[in-house]
């Protein structure tokens, strides 16, 4: 997956944290929701501006980074 199509880093948005394009929802927000046990369907219900592919892009972004 080319997550760069869905994730951007802008120093003026959320202090430069990687975010879903066109939103202030960070990759770390999405990862935190998933880690806390929320399902993709629950996230989409709570944040209807997100799309499933954007959630998957957040996972791909995280998988590509070294922590």
Protein backbone atom coordinates (compact mmCIF):
# COMPACT_ATOMS: atom_id res chain seq x y z
CA UNK A 1 0.00 0.00 0.00
CA UNK A 2 1.20 3.49 -0.81
CA UNK A 3 0.21 5.12 2.48
CA UNK A 4 1.63 8.45 1.27
CA UNK A 5 -1.62 8.86 -0.68
CA UNK A 6 -3.51 9.01 2.63
CA UNK A 7 -1.04 10.25 5.27
CA UNK A 8 0.71 13.61 5.35
CA UNK A 9 3.02 15.48 7.68
CA UNK A 10 2.48 19.23 8.00
CA UNK A 11 4.32 21.18 10.69
CA UNK A 12 1.23 23.39 11.03
CA UNK A 13 -1.11 20.46 11.81
CA UNK A 14 -0.82 18.63 15.14
CA UNK A 15 2.77 19.81 15.55
CA UNK A 16 3.93 17.83 12.53
CA UNK A 17 2.55 14.46 13.57
CA UNK A 18 1.56 12.25 10.63
CA UNK A 19 -2.17 12.73 10.01
CA UNK A 20 -4.83 11.46 7.68
CA UNK A 21 -4.94 13.85 4.72
CA UNK A 22 -7.42 16.68 5.17
CA UNK A 23 -7.97 16.00 8.86
CA UNK A 24 -6.40 16.49 12.25
CA UNK A 25 -6.68 12.77 13.03
CA UNK A 26 -3.18 11.48 13.60
CA UNK A 27 -1.82 8.05 12.82
CA UNK A 28 -1.17 7.70 16.54
CA UNK A 29 -4.84 8.44 17.33
CA UNK A 30 -5.93 5.61 15.02
CA UNK A 31 -3.33 3.22 16.42
CA UNK A 32 -4.39 4.07 19.96
CA UNK A 33 -8.03 3.38 19.18
CA UNK A 34 -7.18 0.02 17.64
CA UNK A 35 -4.88 -0.85 20.55
CA UNK A 36 -7.63 -0.02 23.03
CA UNK A 37 -9.84 -2.61 21.38
CA UNK A 38 -11.98 -0.51 19.06
CA UNK A 39 -12.90 -2.29 15.86
CA UNK A 40 -12.56 -0.67 12.46
CA UNK A 41 -16.36 -0.48 12.32
CA UNK A 42 -16.48 1.32 15.67
CA UNK A 43 -13.88 3.84 14.54
CA UNK A 44 -15.76 4.46 11.31
CA UNK A 45 -18.97 4.94 13.27
CA UNK A 46 -17.36 7.42 15.69
CA UNK A 47 -15.38 9.22 12.96
CA UNK A 48 -17.48 9.10 9.78
CA UNK A 49 -14.99 11.37 8.00
CA UNK A 50 -12.53 8.45 7.97
CA UNK A 51 -12.52 5.67 5.41
CA UNK A 52 -11.41 2.10 6.00
CA UNK A 53 -8.52 2.50 3.57
CA UNK A 54 -7.24 5.44 5.63
CA UNK A 55 -7.22 3.27 8.76
CA UNK A 56 -5.27 0.64 6.83
CA UNK A 57 -2.89 3.37 5.63
CA UNK A 58 -2.23 4.28 9.27
CA UNK A 59 -1.33 0.66 9.99
CA UNK A 60 0.92 0.50 6.91
CA UNK A 61 2.62 3.76 7.95
CA UNK A 62 3.32 2.39 11.43
CA UNK A 63 4.53 -0.93 10.05
CA UNK A 64 6.99 0.89 7.83
CA UNK A 65 8.54 2.88 10.67
CA UNK A 66 11.20 1.72 13.08
CA UNK A 67 10.38 2.43 16.70
